[in-house]
Protein backbone atom coordinates (compact mmCIF):
# COMPACT_ATOMS: atom_id res chain seq x y z
CA MET A 1 -36.20 54.00 50.82
CA SER A 2 -33.30 52.04 52.28
CA ARG A 3 -30.03 51.62 50.43
CA ARG A 4 -27.53 50.07 52.75
CA ILE A 5 -25.04 47.28 52.96
CA LYS A 6 -23.46 46.18 56.23
CA ARG A 7 -20.21 44.40 56.00
CA THR A 8 -20.00 42.16 58.76
CA ASN A 9 -66.21 41.11 52.40
CA PRO A 10 -64.56 38.00 52.01
CA LYS A 11 -65.73 34.40 51.66
CA PRO A 12 -66.15 32.44 54.91
CA ARG A 13 -63.27 30.06 55.45
CA SER A 14 -63.48 26.39 56.10
CA ARG A 15 -62.12 24.75 59.23
CA ASP A 16 -59.08 23.51 57.31
CA GLU A 17 -58.33 26.99 56.00
CA ARG A 18 -58.50 28.45 59.51
CA LYS A 19 -55.89 25.90 60.57
CA GLU A 20 -53.69 26.86 57.61
CA ALA A 21 -53.82 30.55 58.62
CA ARG A 22 -52.90 30.07 62.24
CA PRO A 23 -51.27 32.91 64.19
CA PHE A 24 -47.55 33.14 64.59
CA LYS A 25 -45.87 34.10 67.82
CA ALA A 26 -42.69 36.09 67.73
CA ARG A 27 -39.76 34.43 69.36
CA SER A 28 -38.48 36.50 72.31
CA ALA A 29 -41.56 38.66 71.95
CA HIS A 30 -40.67 40.71 75.03
CA LYS A 31 -37.61 41.94 73.14
CA ALA A 32 -39.28 42.31 69.81
CA GLY A 33 -39.52 46.11 69.90
CA PRO A 34 -42.51 48.45 69.47
CA ARG A 35 -46.00 47.27 68.65
CA PRO A 36 -47.71 48.19 65.35
CA GLY A 37 -48.19 51.94 65.29
CA GLY A 38 -44.96 52.53 67.18
CA LYS A 39 -42.31 54.95 66.13
CA PRO A 40 -40.58 54.21 62.85
CA GLY A 41 -36.87 53.90 63.30
CA SER A 42 -37.26 51.60 66.29
CA LYS A 43 -37.79 48.51 64.18
CA PRO A 44 -36.29 45.27 65.41
CA ARG A 45 -34.13 43.53 62.89
CA PHE A 46 -34.20 39.99 61.59
CA ALA A 47 -32.56 37.51 63.97
CA SER A 48 -29.80 36.94 61.45
CA GLU A 49 -29.00 40.64 61.36
CA ARG A 50 -28.78 40.81 65.16
CA ALA A 51 -26.29 37.95 64.98
CA GLU A 52 -24.35 39.89 62.34
CA ARG A 53 -23.64 42.63 64.87
CA ARG A 54 -22.34 40.16 67.45
CA ALA A 55 -20.26 38.02 65.12
CA PRO A 56 -16.92 39.20 63.74
CA GLU A 57 -16.93 40.16 60.10
CA PRO A 58 -16.07 37.14 57.96
CA ALA A 59 -13.03 37.23 55.74
CA PRO A 60 -13.80 37.86 52.06
CA ALA A 61 -14.53 34.65 50.23
CA LYS A 62 -12.19 33.62 47.48
CA PRO A 63 -13.83 33.70 44.04
CA VAL A 64 -14.81 30.28 42.79
CA GLU A 65 -15.90 29.96 39.19
CA THR A 66 -18.52 27.41 38.19
CA LEU A 67 -16.96 25.25 35.47
CA LEU A 68 -19.12 24.65 32.41
CA PRO A 69 -19.12 21.09 31.06
CA THR A 70 -16.91 20.63 27.99
CA LYS A 71 -18.41 17.21 27.22
CA VAL A 72 -21.72 15.45 27.71
CA GLN A 73 -22.51 14.71 31.35
CA THR A 74 -25.47 13.24 33.24
CA VAL A 75 -26.62 14.65 36.57
CA THR A 76 -29.38 13.67 38.99
CA VAL A 77 -32.10 16.07 40.15
CA THR A 78 -31.76 16.66 43.91
CA ALA A 79 -34.53 17.14 46.48
CA ASP A 80 -33.89 20.90 46.49
CA GLU A 81 -34.38 20.95 42.71
CA ASN A 82 -37.69 19.03 42.75
CA ASN A 83 -40.40 20.81 40.69
CA MET A 84 -37.85 23.27 39.30
CA ARG A 85 -38.30 24.38 35.69
CA VAL A 86 -35.73 23.03 33.23
CA ASP A 87 -34.41 26.47 32.29
CA ARG A 88 -34.11 27.55 35.91
CA PHE A 89 -32.39 24.27 36.77
CA LEU A 90 -29.70 25.08 34.22
CA GLU A 91 -29.40 28.66 35.46
CA ALA A 92 -28.97 27.46 39.04
CA ARG A 93 -26.38 24.84 38.11
CA PHE A 94 -24.49 27.05 35.67
CA PRO A 95 -25.01 30.75 36.50
CA GLY A 96 -22.78 31.90 33.64
CA LEU A 97 -25.19 30.73 30.93
CA SER A 98 -27.25 33.27 29.02
CA PHE A 99 -31.01 32.92 28.65
CA SER A 100 -30.69 32.55 24.86
CA HIS A 101 -28.12 29.75 25.14
CA ILE A 102 -30.31 27.81 27.58
CA GLN A 103 -33.32 28.11 25.28
CA ARG A 104 -31.22 26.98 22.32
CA VAL A 105 -29.87 23.76 23.85
CA VAL A 106 -33.35 22.81 25.10
CA ARG A 107 -35.07 23.64 21.82
CA LYS A 108 -32.57 21.57 19.82
CA GLY A 109 -33.08 18.57 22.08
CA GLU A 110 -29.48 18.55 23.23
CA LEU A 111 -30.68 18.38 26.82
CA ARG A 112 -32.65 15.24 27.72
CA VAL A 113 -34.52 14.21 30.86
CA ASP A 114 -34.66 10.43 31.37
CA GLY A 115 -33.73 10.16 27.72
CA LYS A 116 -36.62 12.30 26.45
CA ARG A 117 -36.81 15.77 24.92
CA VAL A 118 -38.33 18.45 27.15
CA ASP A 119 -39.52 22.02 27.01
CA SER A 120 -37.75 24.75 28.98
CA LYS A 121 -40.92 25.26 31.08
CA ASP A 122 -41.28 21.58 32.02
CA ARG A 123 -40.82 20.70 35.70
CA LEU A 124 -38.20 18.29 36.98
CA GLU A 125 -38.69 15.63 39.64
CA GLU A 126 -36.24 14.45 42.25
CA GLY A 127 -34.19 11.49 41.04
CA GLN A 128 -34.58 12.17 37.31
CA SER A 129 -31.48 11.96 35.14
CA VAL A 130 -30.62 15.03 33.10
CA ARG A 131 -28.29 14.75 30.11
CA ILE A 132 -26.40 18.04 29.76
CA PRO A 133 -24.52 18.80 26.53
CA PRO A 134 -21.26 20.78 26.35
CA LEU A 135 -21.98 24.37 27.33
CA LYS A 136 -20.17 27.63 26.70
CA LEU A 137 -20.46 31.31 27.49
CA ASP A 138 -21.57 33.75 24.83
CA THR A 139 -18.70 35.24 22.83
CA PRO A 140 -17.92 38.69 24.20
CA LYS A 141 -18.86 41.54 21.92
CA ALA A 142 -16.11 43.88 20.79
CA PRO A 143 -15.97 46.97 22.99
CA GLY A 144 -17.34 50.13 21.48
CA ALA A 145 -19.44 53.17 22.10
CA LEU A 146 -23.03 52.50 23.13
CA SER A 147 -25.74 53.38 20.65
CA GLU A 148 -28.29 56.04 21.55
CA ALA A 149 -30.85 53.33 22.32
CA ALA A 150 -28.36 51.47 24.54
CA GLN A 151 -27.52 54.67 26.40
CA LYS A 152 -31.24 55.21 27.11
CA THR A 153 -31.52 51.64 28.37
CA LEU A 154 -28.50 52.10 30.64
CA ALA A 155 -29.98 55.34 31.98
CA ALA A 156 -33.27 53.54 32.68
CA LEU A 157 -31.43 50.83 34.66
CA LYS A 158 -29.52 53.44 36.64
CA GLU A 159 -32.81 55.15 37.47
CA MET A 160 -34.13 51.85 38.85
CA THR A 161 -31.02 51.15 40.95
CA LEU A 162 -31.45 50.81 44.72
CA PHE A 163 -27.98 49.41 45.43
CA GLU A 164 -24.90 48.59 43.38
CA ASP A 165 -21.31 47.50 43.92
CA ASP A 166 -18.79 45.45 41.91
CA ASP A 167 -20.68 42.19 42.50
CA VAL A 168 -24.35 42.98 43.07
CA LEU A 169 -27.10 45.15 41.67
CA VAL A 170 -30.54 45.63 43.26
CA LEU A 171 -33.18 47.16 41.00
CA ASN A 172 -36.57 48.66 41.80
CA LYS A 173 -38.41 46.93 38.96
CA PRO A 174 -41.49 48.88 37.85
CA ALA A 175 -44.86 47.18 37.55
CA GLY A 176 -45.60 46.10 33.98
CA LEU A 177 -42.00 45.36 33.00
CA ALA A 178 -41.21 41.65 32.65
CA VAL A 179 -38.08 40.19 34.22
CA GLN A 180 -37.48 37.69 31.43
CA GLY A 181 -38.59 37.17 27.85
CA GLY A 182 -41.56 35.11 26.78
CA SER A 183 -44.23 34.89 24.12
CA GLY A 184 -44.88 38.39 22.81
CA THR A 185 -42.43 40.02 25.24
CA THR A 186 -39.74 42.08 23.54
CA ARG A 187 -38.57 44.38 26.34
CA HIS A 188 -37.58 42.89 29.67
CA ILE A 189 -34.92 43.24 32.36
CA ASP A 190 -32.77 40.34 31.11
CA GLN A 191 -32.58 41.92 27.66
CA MET A 192 -31.88 45.38 29.10
CA LEU A 193 -28.89 44.01 31.04
CA GLU A 194 -27.06 43.42 27.71
CA VAL A 195 -25.89 47.05 27.86
CA MET A 196 -24.02 46.33 31.10
CA ARG A 197 -21.54 43.77 29.75
CA ASP A 198 -18.09 44.34 31.22
CA ALA A 199 -14.68 44.36 29.52
CA LYS A 200 -14.59 40.54 29.67
CA GLY A 201 -18.00 40.26 28.06
CA GLN A 202 -19.75 39.20 31.27
CA LYS A 203 -23.37 40.25 31.45
CA PRO A 204 -25.20 40.73 34.80
CA ARG A 205 -27.34 37.67 35.60
CA LEU A 206 -30.78 37.16 37.12
CA VAL A 207 -30.73 35.11 40.32
CA HIS A 208 -34.47 35.24 41.07
CA ARG A 209 -37.66 36.66 39.52
CA ILE A 210 -40.76 38.61 40.42
CA ASP A 211 -43.99 38.70 38.43
CA LYS A 212 -44.36 41.20 35.59
CA ASP A 213 -47.12 43.15 37.38
CA THR A 214 -45.28 43.13 40.75
CA SER A 215 -42.95 46.04 41.43
CA GLY A 216 -40.00 46.24 43.77
CA CYS A 217 -36.67 44.66 44.72
CA LEU A 218 -34.99 42.51 42.08
CA LEU A 219 -31.52 41.12 42.80
CA ILE A 220 -28.95 40.88 39.99
CA ALA A 221 -25.48 39.29 40.06
CA LYS A 222 -22.87 41.25 38.12
CA THR A 223 -20.29 38.44 38.07
CA ARG A 224 -20.27 34.66 37.83
CA PHE A 225 -18.78 34.54 41.32
CA ALA A 226 -21.70 36.54 42.77
CA ALA A 227 -24.24 34.54 40.77
CA THR A 228 -23.01 31.28 42.26
CA HIS A 229 -23.17 32.57 45.84
CA LEU A 230 -26.49 34.40 45.53
CA THR A 231 -28.18 31.47 43.79
CA GLY A 232 -26.95 29.25 46.62
CA ALA A 233 -28.39 31.67 49.19
CA PHE A 234 -31.83 31.43 47.57
CA ARG A 235 -31.66 27.65 47.38
CA SER A 236 -30.68 27.40 51.06
CA ARG A 237 -33.39 29.96 52.01
CA SER A 238 -30.85 32.37 53.42
CA ALA A 239 -32.54 35.22 51.53
CA ARG A 240 -35.38 36.97 53.38
CA LYS A 241 -38.04 38.76 51.35
CA ILE A 242 -40.89 40.99 52.51
CA TYR A 243 -43.83 42.01 50.32
CA TRP A 244 -46.59 44.59 50.85
CA ALA A 245 -50.10 44.12 49.48
CA LEU A 246 -53.58 45.64 49.67
CA VAL A 247 -56.45 43.19 50.16
CA PRO A 248 -60.23 43.41 50.74
CA GLY A 249 -61.64 42.81 54.22
CA LEU A 250 -59.69 42.08 57.39
CA PRO A 251 -57.77 38.80 57.64
CA LYS A 252 -58.34 36.88 60.87
CA PRO A 253 -56.22 36.23 62.76
CA LYS A 254 -54.30 39.42 62.13
CA GLN A 255 -51.02 37.52 62.03
CA GLY A 256 -50.80 34.01 60.64
CA ARG A 257 -49.11 31.26 58.71
CA ILE A 258 -50.48 29.82 55.47
CA SER A 259 -49.27 26.34 54.57
CA THR A 260 -50.57 24.51 51.49
CA PHE A 261 -49.44 22.54 48.47
CA LEU A 262 -49.53 24.34 45.13
CA ALA A 263 -49.63 22.85 41.63
CA LYS A 264 -49.72 24.43 38.20
CA GLU A 265 -53.00 24.28 36.29
CA GLU A 266 -52.77 25.11 32.61
CA SER A 267 -55.50 25.89 30.10
CA GLU A 268 -55.50 27.20 26.55
CA ASP A 269 -55.80 30.79 27.76
CA ASP A 270 -54.04 30.92 31.11
CA THR A 271 -51.82 29.28 33.70
CA ILE A 272 -52.55 29.54 37.41
CA MET A 273 -51.43 27.87 40.61
CA ARG A 274 -54.14 25.86 42.36
CA ILE A 275 -54.33 24.56 45.92
CA ALA A 276 -53.33 20.90 45.76
CA GLN A 277 -52.99 17.92 48.07
CA HIS A 278 -49.79 16.27 49.23
CA GLY A 279 -48.85 13.66 46.64
CA ASP A 280 -50.64 15.35 43.73
CA GLU A 281 -48.62 15.40 40.53
CA GLY A 282 -46.44 18.51 40.41
CA ALA A 283 -47.53 19.69 43.87
CA SER A 284 -45.00 21.59 45.98
CA HIS A 285 -45.27 22.68 49.59
CA ALA A 286 -45.59 26.46 50.06
CA VAL A 287 -45.42 28.46 53.29
CA THR A 288 -46.23 32.16 53.77
CA TYR A 289 -46.40 34.32 56.89
CA TYR A 290 -48.67 37.37 56.82
CA ALA A 291 -49.37 40.27 59.19
CA VAL A 292 -51.94 43.06 59.14
CA VAL A 293 -50.15 46.42 59.21
CA GLU A 294 -53.06 48.89 58.95
CA THR A 295 -56.72 48.91 57.93
CA ALA A 296 -58.97 51.38 56.13
CA GLY A 297 -62.39 51.07 57.76
CA ASN A 298 -62.23 47.24 57.71
CA LYS A 299 -62.99 47.41 53.98
CA LEU A 300 -59.38 47.31 52.82
CA THR A 301 -56.27 46.10 54.62
CA TRP A 302 -52.57 46.64 54.11
CA VAL A 303 -50.83 43.33 54.77
CA SER A 304 -47.15 42.45 54.92
CA LEU A 305 -46.09 39.05 53.60
CA LYS A 306 -43.01 36.91 54.17
CA PRO A 307 -42.69 33.89 51.85
CA VAL A 308 -40.61 31.06 53.29
CA THR A 309 -40.71 29.11 50.03
CA GLY A 310 -40.58 30.64 46.55
CA ARG A 311 -43.30 29.03 44.45
CA THR A 312 -44.79 30.65 41.35
CA HIS A 313 -47.58 33.11 42.28
CA GLN A 314 -47.31 31.85 45.87
CA LEU A 315 -48.43 35.04 47.64
CA ARG A 316 -51.23 35.72 45.19
CA ALA A 317 -52.60 32.16 45.42
CA HIS A 318 -52.27 32.04 49.21
CA MET A 319 -54.10 35.31 49.85
CA ALA A 320 -56.92 34.24 47.53
CA HIS A 321 -57.05 30.89 49.36
CA ILE A 322 -57.77 32.53 52.74
CA GLY A 323 -60.45 34.77 51.23
CA HIS A 324 -58.43 37.97 50.81
CA PRO A 325 -57.12 38.10 47.21
CA ILE A 326 -54.82 40.97 46.32
CA ILE A 327 -56.50 44.05 44.87
CA GLY A 328 -56.12 44.29 41.10
CA ASP A 329 -55.01 40.67 40.61
CA PRO A 330 -56.38 39.54 37.22
CA LYS A 331 -55.71 35.84 37.92
CA TYR A 332 -56.70 35.25 41.53
CA PHE A 333 -59.19 37.95 42.58
CA ASN A 334 -62.30 35.79 43.00
CA ILE A 335 -64.82 37.83 45.05
CA GLU A 336 -68.04 38.19 43.03
CA ASN A 337 -69.76 41.58 42.74
CA TRP A 338 -66.97 43.29 44.62
CA GLU A 339 -66.46 46.90 43.54
CA LEU A 340 -63.14 48.73 43.60
CA PRO A 341 -63.37 51.88 45.74
CA GLY A 342 -63.34 55.10 43.75
CA GLY A 343 -59.92 56.54 43.00
CA LEU A 344 -58.04 53.24 43.24
CA GLN A 345 -56.48 51.87 40.07
CA ASN A 346 -57.38 48.32 39.03
CA ARG A 347 -53.73 47.22 39.00
CA LEU A 348 -51.97 44.58 41.08
CA HIS A 349 -51.28 46.03 44.53
CA LEU A 350 -48.22 43.91 45.34
CA LEU A 351 -44.75 45.27 46.12
CA ALA A 352 -41.53 43.34 46.67
CA ARG A 353 -40.76 45.72 49.53
CA ARG A 354 -37.47 44.45 50.96
CA ILE A 355 -34.74 41.90 50.42
CA VAL A 356 -32.08 40.89 52.95
CA ILE A 357 -29.40 38.44 51.80
CA PRO A 358 -25.77 37.62 52.65
CA HIS A 359 -23.33 39.46 50.42
CA PRO A 360 -21.04 37.11 48.43
CA ARG A 361 -17.96 38.69 50.02
CA GLY A 362 -19.29 39.02 53.58
CA GLY A 363 -21.81 41.19 55.35
CA VAL A 364 -25.47 41.66 54.42
CA ILE A 365 -27.29 43.37 51.57
CA ASP A 366 -30.46 45.05 52.85
CA ALA A 367 -32.48 47.00 50.27
CA SER A 368 -36.02 48.40 50.35
CA ALA A 369 -38.18 49.69 47.49
CA PRO A 370 -40.74 52.52 47.74
CA LEU A 371 -44.41 52.12 46.88
CA PRO A 372 -44.99 52.29 43.11
CA PRO A 373 -47.11 55.24 41.89
CA HIS A 374 -50.44 53.35 41.72
CA MET A 375 -49.99 51.93 45.25
CA GLN A 376 -48.81 55.29 46.63
CA GLN A 377 -52.01 56.82 45.22
CA SER A 378 -54.07 54.16 47.03
CA TRP A 379 -52.15 54.68 50.30
CA ASN A 380 -52.80 58.44 50.06
CA LEU A 381 -56.51 58.03 49.32
CA LEU A 382 -56.97 55.52 52.16
CA GLY A 383 -54.89 57.47 54.66
CA LEU A 384 -52.39 54.65 55.19
CA ASP A 385 -49.03 55.56 56.73
CA ALA A 386 -46.16 53.85 54.90
CA THR A 387 -43.79 54.59 57.82
CA ARG A 388 -45.68 52.38 60.30
CA PHE A 389 -43.86 49.56 62.06
CA ASP A 390 -44.16 46.33 60.06
CA PRO A 391 -45.11 43.44 62.40
CA ILE A 392 -43.93 40.84 59.88
CA GLU A 393 -40.47 41.57 61.34
CA ASN A 394 -41.43 39.22 64.19
CA ALA A 395 -42.46 36.30 61.97
CA PRO A 396 -40.36 33.13 62.17
CA GLU A 397 -37.90 32.32 59.43
CA GLU A 398 -39.24 28.82 58.73
């Protein structure tokens, strides 16, 4: 597990699908380091990290607070904000807002899109006008001793911590724990962070999300200053994320790029992301690089994934699209009559393995999460070596 900060039998695929999963070639491959199976510890780094070593350490940035509107204002949805949920649009624009305050202004109809009421889960389109009411931070609670329940919550967060400083917190979120509240969800990371309010009443803020059943690296901003910078890094795609997954069969080619459009499809019982066409209503472009790390008798394969975009369920939908859905996925595993090998748990085998992102005050945050218990059990049973070189290191950044 890395905790460091540097300052400075699958379905046959169609012809179109084979094009979408075309191989990637590492840039400067002759310098890319050891091949898969090489010694751990000789991993090449991301191109941006190599540049970090050559470039002088930047001077610490001066804190800049995002001002909340004190009167009604109208803003226009930008291209980068196209297809963004209403609540996440507000979070990105105003990182200091709490989840409860966002839900309240939307529910009361104080926020309007093109003059109409919306739901917090509705998607915005580029060019739409958004009426934003006056906003304010939650009133700080009076300082006092934590209750026994709050102390247990704080201890649980500390147990999850991979990295922490005055601005940033990286958690190893366990599978099964939601990041944010929803229908029927009472315990989630956003609610747990209430126990970490500082002397000024500031509560740590979410800057991105991972699915409830996905474990691994979750980045948290501890200050408004950090939230603004980290949110900007995600929007500009400066953050690099790597995921590990277990899938049936052997993807071909062994290293490739998946490029599709994805759109939300809702029913009474479920919501999934479907493969869409360019121009379809609500469709967004999604790009994922994948690489085979190790196989278990060609029946199961450990793959490493690097999402370039950050669409809902992107990795899960993309792997199902190329005929290799992630083991234990209740939404996208679509291979009929496929039986789970004995000893493996029928739980989602997807880990947010690593996150690399510029630190708000200079340098780079680089954190890695270990395999969760159910995936470690599968790795042990299949004889997979978690210390193998990860070839996704050589995938392009775009």
